[in-house]
Amino acid sequence: MQASPHYPDSDAFAPTGRRRAVGVLTMTLALLALAGCGGRDVRPAAPAASAPVPQRTWNTVSPTDPAAANAVLMRAISLVGTPYRYGGNTPEGGFDCSGLVNYVFRDMLDVRLPRSSRELYAYQGPKIDAERLAPGDLVFFGSGGSVSHVGIYVGEGRFVHAPSTGGTVRLDHLDGSYWRRNYTGSRRVLH
């Protein structure tokens, strides 16, 4: 980088050969360490060439406690972009799917929930049909009759979740081919 009137000392920040090598080595080691982290990958597979699946019409269902539901969904949405980390349960350390759910309900409502997606699915809250989902409900996914993933429904067919290693907390649609195919059920925590 050339020195300029805007950056008069820019040459002072140019990496030397040794600093560059140390930086590359550090980055490589960090990437190798992170490559070994993570749980089961729940990212959607590349879509196969098939007929499009029609979008469902999502009913507007009012939650039993609108203020609590609003607090949950606003907090969940505010965490979009937080890195995924297997076993994570804080914004600073990252989240896995059940860690995100636990954090949001504990942080906003002081509600303590089971820690794993399977335990959350077995939770005593009522089961909810997809057509009757309300903001704040938990949505579950899995295959072969086993639950392996959970998210928080925010309305209009969308949910917030922490999907997989290398990803971030994000907003997805239940009608996405992967999510629709692997949808297991829903539970209402706010009742």
C-alpha atoms as a PDB file:
ATOM      1  CA  MET A   1       0.000   0.000   0.000  1.00  0.00           C
ATOM      2  CA  GLN A   2       1.390   3.416  -0.927  1.00  0.00           C
ATOM      3  CA  ALA A   3       1.540   6.288   1.568  1.00  0.00           C
ATOM      4  CA  SER A   4      -1.092   8.881   0.733  1.00  0.00           C
ATOM      5  CA  PRO A   5      -2.405  12.152   2.179  1.00  0.00           C
ATOM      6  CA  HIS A   6      -5.320  10.173   3.685  1.00  0.00           C
ATOM      7  CA  TYR A   7      -3.162   7.351   5.055  1.00  0.00           C
ATOM      8  CA  PRO A   8       0.278   8.899   5.653  1.00  0.00           C
ATOM      9  CA  ASP A   9       1.623   5.958   7.696  1.00  0.00           C
ATOM     10  CA  SER A  10       0.066   3.193   5.618  1.00  0.00           C
ATOM     11  CA  ASP A  11       3.455   1.566   4.977  1.00  0.00           C
ATOM     12  CA  ALA A  12       3.730   0.931   8.731  1.00  0.00           C
ATOM     13  CA  PHE A  13       0.874  -1.566   8.487  1.00  0.00           C
ATOM     14  CA  ALA A  14       2.113  -3.512   5.468  1.00  0.00           C
ATOM     15  CA  PRO A  15       2.856  -7.099   6.570  1.00  0.00           C
ATOM     16  CA  THR A  16       6.419  -8.306   6.360  1.00  0.00           C
ATOM     17  CA  GLY A  17       7.181 -11.761   5.014  1.00  0.00           C
ATOM     18  CA  ARG A  18       7.558 -13.195   8.514  1.00  0.00           C
ATOM     19  CA  ARG A  19       4.364 -11.561   9.856  1.00  0.00           C
ATOM     20  CA  ARG A  20       2.451 -12.759   6.817  1.00  0.00           C
ATOM     21  CA  ALA A  21       3.716 -16.347   7.296  1.00  0.00           C
ATOM     22  CA  VAL A  22       2.764 -16.310  10.995  1.00  0.00           C
ATOM     23  CA  GLY A  23      -0.688 -14.932  10.100  1.00  0.00           C
ATOM     24  CA  VAL A  24      -1.275 -17.602   7.441  1.00  0.00           C
ATOM     25  CA  LEU A  25      -0.104 -20.349   9.812  1.00  0.00           C
ATOM     26  CA  THR A  26      -2.358 -19.057  12.610  1.00  0.00           C
ATOM     27  CA  MET A  27      -5.368 -18.883  10.284  1.00  0.00           C
ATOM     28  CA  THR A  28      -4.688 -22.393   8.943  1.00  0.00           C
ATOM     29  CA  LEU A  29      -4.454 -23.845  12.462  1.00  0.00           C
ATOM     30  CA  ALA A  30      -7.655 -22.068  13.498  1.00  0.00           C
ATOM     31  CA  LEU A  31      -9.516 -23.421  10.466  1.00  0.00           C
ATOM     32  CA  LEU A  32      -8.242 -26.951  11.104  1.00  0.00           C
ATOM     33  CA  ALA A  33      -9.330 -26.735  14.742  1.00  0.00           C
ATOM     34  CA  LEU A  34     -12.785 -25.523  13.747  1.00  0.00           C
ATOM     35  CA  ALA A  35     -13.151 -28.214  11.090  1.00  0.00           C
ATOM     36  CA  GLY A  36     -13.223 -30.836  13.832  1.00  0.00           C
ATOM     37  CA  CYS A  37     -16.025 -29.076  15.736  1.00  0.00           C
ATOM     38  CA  GLY A  38     -19.726 -29.500  15.295  1.00  0.00           C
ATOM     39  CA  GLY A  39     -22.504 -31.952  15.443  1.00  0.00           C
ATOM     40  CA  ARG A  40     -24.765 -33.457  12.873  1.00  0.00           C
ATOM     41  CA  ASP A  41     -25.078 -31.280   9.785  1.00  0.00           C
ATOM     42  CA  VAL A  42     -28.679 -30.192   9.238  1.00  0.00           C
ATOM     43  CA  ARG A  43     -28.096 -27.900   6.298  1.00  0.00           C
ATOM     44  CA  PRO A  44     -30.504 -28.430   3.446  1.00  0.00           C
ATOM     45  CA  ALA A  45     -29.119 -30.485   0.595  1.00  0.00           C
ATOM     46  CA  ALA A  46     -28.923 -28.934  -2.853  1.00  0.00           C
ATOM     47  CA  PRO A  47     -32.416 -29.002  -4.310  1.00  0.00           C
ATOM     48  CA  ALA A  48     -33.082 -31.828  -6.717  1.00  0.00           C
ATOM     49  CA  ALA A  49     -34.685 -31.051 -10.052  1.00  0.00           C
ATOM     50  CA  SER A  50     -38.324 -31.842  -9.311  1.00  0.00           C
ATOM     51  CA  ALA A  51     -41.744 -30.304  -9.552  1.00  0.00           C
ATOM     52  CA  PRO A  52     -42.095 -27.248  -7.300  1.00  0.00           C
ATOM     53  CA  VAL A  53     -43.918 -27.838  -4.036  1.00  0.00           C
ATOM     54  CA  PRO A  54     -46.871 -25.472  -3.659  1.00  0.00           C
ATOM     55  CA  GLN A  55     -46.551 -22.992  -0.794  1.00  0.00           C
ATOM     56  CA  ARG A  56     -49.010 -23.458   2.042  1.00  0.00           C
ATOM     57  CA  THR A  57     -51.229 -20.652   3.242  1.00  0.00           C
ATOM     58  CA  TRP A  58     -50.228 -19.855   6.804  1.00  0.00           C
ATOM     59  CA  ASN A  59     -53.062 -18.961   9.159  1.00  0.00           C
ATOM     60  CA  THR A  60     -52.605 -16.054  11.508  1.00  0.00           C
ATOM     61  CA  VAL A  61     -53.047 -17.560  14.953  1.00  0.00           C
ATOM     62  CA  SER A  62     -52.861 -15.244  17.934  1.00  0.00           C
ATOM     63  CA  PRO A  63     -50.748 -16.580  20.774  1.00  0.00           C
ATOM     64  CA  THR A  64     -52.350 -17.069  24.189  1.00  0.00           C
ATOM     65  CA  ASP A  65     -49.962 -14.497  25.684  1.00  0.00           C
ATOM     66  CA  PRO A  66     -49.153 -11.978  22.913  1.00  0.00           C
ATOM     67  CA  ALA A  67     -46.668  -9.974  25.021  1.00  0.00           C
ATOM     68  CA  ALA A  68     -44.639 -13.079  25.921  1.00  0.00           C
ATOM     69  CA  ALA A  69     -44.737 -14.362  22.338  1.00  0.00           C
ATOM     70  CA  ASN A  70     -43.619 -10.973  21.028  1.00  0.00           C
ATOM     71  CA  ALA A  71     -40.710 -10.882  23.499  1.00  0.00           C
ATOM     72  CA  VAL A  72     -39.619 -14.372  22.401  1.00  0.00           C
ATOM     73  CA  LEU A  73     -39.819 -13.722  18.678  1.00  0.00           C
ATOM     74  CA  MET A  74     -38.124 -10.310  18.861  1.00  0.00           C
ATOM     75  CA  ARG A  75     -35.253 -11.758  20.910  1.00  0.00           C
ATOM     76  CA  ALA A  76     -34.920 -14.744  18.566  1.00  0.00           C
ATOM     77  CA  ILE A  77     -34.845 -12.493  15.490  1.00  0.00           C
ATOM     78  CA  SER A  78     -32.270 -10.214  17.149  1.00  0.00           C
ATOM     79  CA  LEU A  79     -29.884 -13.196  17.340  1.00  0.00           C
ATOM     80  CA  VAL A  80     -29.921 -13.844  13.573  1.00  0.00           C
ATOM     81  CA  GLY A  81     -26.312 -13.850  12.402  1.00  0.00           C
ATOM     82  CA  THR A  82     -24.879 -15.262  15.660  1.00  0.00           C
ATOM     83  CA  PRO A  83     -22.422 -18.087  14.845  1.00  0.00           C
ATOM     84  CA  TYR A  84     -23.410 -21.733  15.285  1.00  0.00           C
ATOM     85  CA  ARG A  85     -21.461 -23.651  17.911  1.00  0.00           C
ATOM     86  CA  TYR A  86     -22.241 -27.220  18.951  1.00  0.00           C
ATOM     87  CA  GLY A  87     -23.238 -27.115  22.633  1.00  0.00           C
ATOM     88  CA  GLY A  88     -23.385 -23.302  22.543  1.00  0.00           C
ATOM     89  CA  ASN A  89     -25.997 -21.414  24.512  1.00  0.00           C
ATOM     90  CA  THR A  90     -24.941 -17.735  24.608  1.00  0.00           C
ATOM     91  CA  PRO A  91     -24.728 -14.911  22.064  1.00  0.00           C
ATOM     92  CA  GLU A  92     -21.038 -14.476  22.896  1.00  0.00           C
ATOM     93  CA  GLY A  93     -20.163 -18.166  22.517  1.00  0.00           C
ATOM     94  CA  GLY A  94     -22.599 -19.086  19.748  1.00  0.00           C
ATOM     95  CA  PHE A  95     -25.614 -21.377  19.701  1.00  0.00           C
ATOM     96  CA  ASP A  96     -26.690 -24.823  18.690  1.00  0.00           C
ATOM     97  CA  CYS A  97     -30.412 -25.279  17.991  1.00  0.00           C
ATOM     98  CA  SER A  98     -31.581 -26.209  21.487  1.00  0.00           C
ATOM     99  CA  GLY A  99     -29.149 -23.763  23.098  1.00  0.00           C
ATOM    100  CA  LEU A 100     -30.794 -20.956  21.106  1.00  0.00           C
ATOM    101  CA  VAL A 101     -34.292 -22.017  22.218  1.00  0.00           C
ATOM    102  CA  ASN A 102     -33.200 -22.331  25.852  1.00  0.00           C
ATOM    103  CA  TYR A 103     -31.428 -18.974  25.848  1.00  0.00           C
ATOM    104  CA  VAL A 104     -34.349 -17.052  24.306  1.00  0.00           C
ATOM    105  CA  PHE A 105     -37.002 -18.445  26.671  1.00  0.00           C
ATOM    106  CA  ARG A 106     -34.764 -18.102  29.743  1.00  0.00           C
ATOM    107  CA  ASP A 107     -33.544 -14.597  28.823  1.00  0.00           C
ATOM    108  CA  MET A 108     -36.937 -13.133  27.964  1.00  0.00           C
ATOM    109  CA  LEU A 109     -39.372 -15.030  30.217  1.00  0.00           C
ATOM    110  CA  ASP A 110     -37.239 -16.836  32.812  1.00  0.00           C
ATOM    111  CA  VAL A 111     -38.686 -20.117  31.489  1.00  0.00           C
ATOM    112  CA  ARG A 112     -36.371 -23.103  31.973  1.00  0.00           C
ATOM    113  CA  LEU A 113     -36.693 -25.735  29.247  1.00  0.00           C
ATOM    114  CA  PRO A 114     -35.045 -29.125  28.630  1.00  0.00           C
ATOM    115  CA  ARG A 115     -31.655 -28.836  26.895  1.00  0.00           C
ATOM    116  CA  SER A 116     -31.811 -31.204  23.899  1.00  0.00           C
ATOM    117  CA  SER A 117     -34.166 -31.108  20.911  1.00  0.00           C
ATOM    118  CA  ARG A 118     -35.422 -34.623  21.791  1.00  0.00           C
ATOM    119  CA  GLU A 119     -36.153 -33.588  25.396  1.00  0.00           C
ATOM    120  CA  LEU A 120     -37.866 -30.419  24.168  1.00  0.00           C
ATOM    121  CA  TYR A 121     -40.082 -32.500  21.870  1.00  0.00           C
ATOM    122  CA  ALA A 122     -41.043 -34.733  24.805  1.00  0.00           C
ATOM    123  CA  TYR A 123     -41.826 -31.618  26.904  1.00  0.00           C
ATOM    124  CA  GLN A 124     -45.324 -31.494  28.417  1.00  0.00           C
ATOM    125  CA  GLY A 125     -46.494 -28.590  26.231  1.00  0.00           C
ATOM    126  CA  PRO A 126     -49.370 -29.394  23.873  1.00  0.00           C
ATOM    127  CA  LYS A 127     -48.650 -30.644  20.354  1.00  0.00           C
ATOM    128  CA  ILE A 128     -49.748 -28.157  17.691  1.00  0.00           C
ATOM    129  CA  ASP A 129     -50.757 -28.827  14.082  1.00  0.00           C
ATOM    130  CA  ALA A 130     -48.710 -26.882  11.524  1.00  0.00           C
ATOM    131  CA  GLU A 131     -51.874 -25.030  10.463  1.00  0.00           C
ATOM    132  CA  ARG A 132     -52.344 -23.740  14.045  1.00  0.00           C
ATOM    133  CA  LEU A 133     -48.801 -22.487  14.750  1.00  0.00           C
ATOM    134  CA  ALA A 134     -48.522 -19.227  16.696  1.00  0.00           C
ATOM    135  CA  PRO A 135     -45.432 -17.067  17.272  1.00  0.00           C
ATOM    136  CA  GLY A 136     -43.294 -18.578  20.033  1.00  0.00           C
ATOM    137  CA  ASP A 137     -44.197 -22.202  19.262  1.00  0.00           C
ATOM    138  CA  LEU A 138     -41.338 -24.664  18.847  1.00  0.00           C
ATOM    139  CA  VAL A 139     -40.966 -26.473  15.513  1.00  0.00           C
ATOM    140  CA  PHE A 140     -39.119 -29.809  15.314  1.00  0.00           C
ATOM    141  CA  PHE A 141     -37.348 -31.656  12.534  1.00  0.00           C
ATOM    142  CA  GLY A 142     -35.795 -35.075  12.113  1.00  0.00           C
ATOM    143  CA  SER A 143     -35.877 -38.242  10.074  1.00  0.00           C
ATOM    144  CA  GLY A 144     -36.766 -41.860  10.685  1.00  0.00           C
ATOM    145  CA  GLY A 145     -39.013 -40.915  13.592  1.00  0.00           C
ATOM    146  CA  SER A 146     -36.178 -39.235  15.497  1.00  0.00           C
ATOM    147  CA  VAL A 147     -36.066 -35.536  16.422  1.00  0.00           C
ATOM    148  CA  SER A 148     -32.692 -33.876  15.767  1.00  0.00           C
ATOM    149  CA  HIS A 149     -33.431 -30.156  15.328  1.00  0.00           C
ATOM    150  CA  VAL A 150     -35.609 -27.393  16.808  1.00  0.00           C
ATOM    151  CA  GLY A 151     -36.450 -23.788  15.981  1.00  0.00           C
ATOM    152  CA  ILE A 152     -38.768 -20.998  17.159  1.00  0.00           C
ATOM    153  CA  TYR A 153     -41.767 -20.160  14.971  1.00  0.00           C
ATOM    154  CA  VAL A 154     -42.094 -16.410  14.337  1.00  0.00           C
ATOM    155  CA  GLY A 155     -45.137 -16.304  12.029  1.00  0.00           C
ATOM    156  CA  GLU A 156     -46.042 -16.449   8.333  1.00  0.00           C
ATOM    157  CA  GLY A 157     -44.454 -19.887   7.959  1.00  0.00           C
ATOM    158  CA  ARG A 158     -41.026 -18.726   9.146  1.00  0.00           C
ATOM    159  CA  PHE A 159     -38.820 -19.856  12.020  1.00  0.00           C
ATOM    160  CA  VAL A 160     -35.502 -18.876  13.619  1.00  0.00           C
ATOM    161  CA  HIS A 161     -32.926 -21.590  14.258  1.00  0.00           C
ATOM    162  CA  ALA A 162     -29.222 -22.384  14.558  1.00  0.00           C
ATOM    163  CA  PRO A 163     -28.728 -24.809  11.662  1.00  0.00           C
ATOM    164  CA  SER A 164     -25.231 -26.303  11.552  1.00  0.00           C
ATOM    165  CA  THR A 165     -21.489 -26.030  11.877  1.00  0.00           C
ATOM    166  CA  GLY A 166     -20.147 -23.171   9.797  1.00  0.00           C
ATOM    167  CA  GLY A 167     -23.522 -21.444   9.729  1.00  0.00           C
ATOM    168  CA  THR A 168     -25.216 -18.741  11.743  1.00  0.00           C
ATOM    169  CA  VAL A 169     -28.579 -18.332  13.431  1.00  0.00           C
ATOM    170  CA  ARG A 170     -30.992 -17.609  10.604  1.00  0.00           C
ATOM    171  CA  LEU A 171     -34.592 -17.238   9.530  1.00  0.00           C
ATOM    172  CA  ASP A 172     -35.964 -19.978   7.244  1.00  0.00           C
ATOM    173  CA  HIS A 173     -39.352 -20.938   5.821  1.00  0.00           C
ATOM    174  CA  LEU A 174     -41.135 -24.142   6.819  1.00  0.00           C
ATOM    175  CA  ASP A 175     -42.025 -24.670   3.161  1.00  0.00           C
ATOM    176  CA  GLY A 176     -38.357 -24.996   2.176  1.00  0.00           C
ATOM    177  CA  SER A 177     -37.980 -28.474   0.666  1.00  0.00           C
ATOM    178  CA  TYR A 178     -35.638 -29.761   3.395  1.00  0.00           C
ATOM    179  CA  TRP A 179     -37.688 -28.377   6.268  1.00  0.00           C
ATOM    180  CA  ARG A 180     -41.029 -29.498   4.865  1.00  0.00           C
ATOM    181  CA  ARG A 181     -39.719 -33.017   4.214  1.00  0.00           C
ATOM    182  CA  ASN A 182     -38.197 -33.343   7.712  1.00  0.00           C
ATOM    183  CA  TYR A 183     -40.854 -31.536   9.767  1.00  0.00           C
ATOM    184  CA  THR A 184     -41.688 -33.726  12.779  1.00  0.00           C
ATOM    185  CA  GLY A 185     -44.126 -31.588  14.751  1.00  0.00           C
ATOM    186  CA  SER A 186     -44.607 -28.577  17.002  1.00  0.00           C
ATOM    187  CA  ARG A 187     -45.081 -27.827  20.684  1.00  0.00           C
ATOM    188  CA  ARG A 188     -46.603 -24.829  22.405  1.00  0.00           C
ATOM    189  CA  VAL A 189     -44.551 -23.594  25.348  1.00  0.00           C
ATOM    190  CA  LEU A 190     -46.576 -20.410  25.917  1.00  0.00           C
ATOM    191  CA  HIS A 191     -49.978 -21.695  27.041  1.00  0.00           C
END
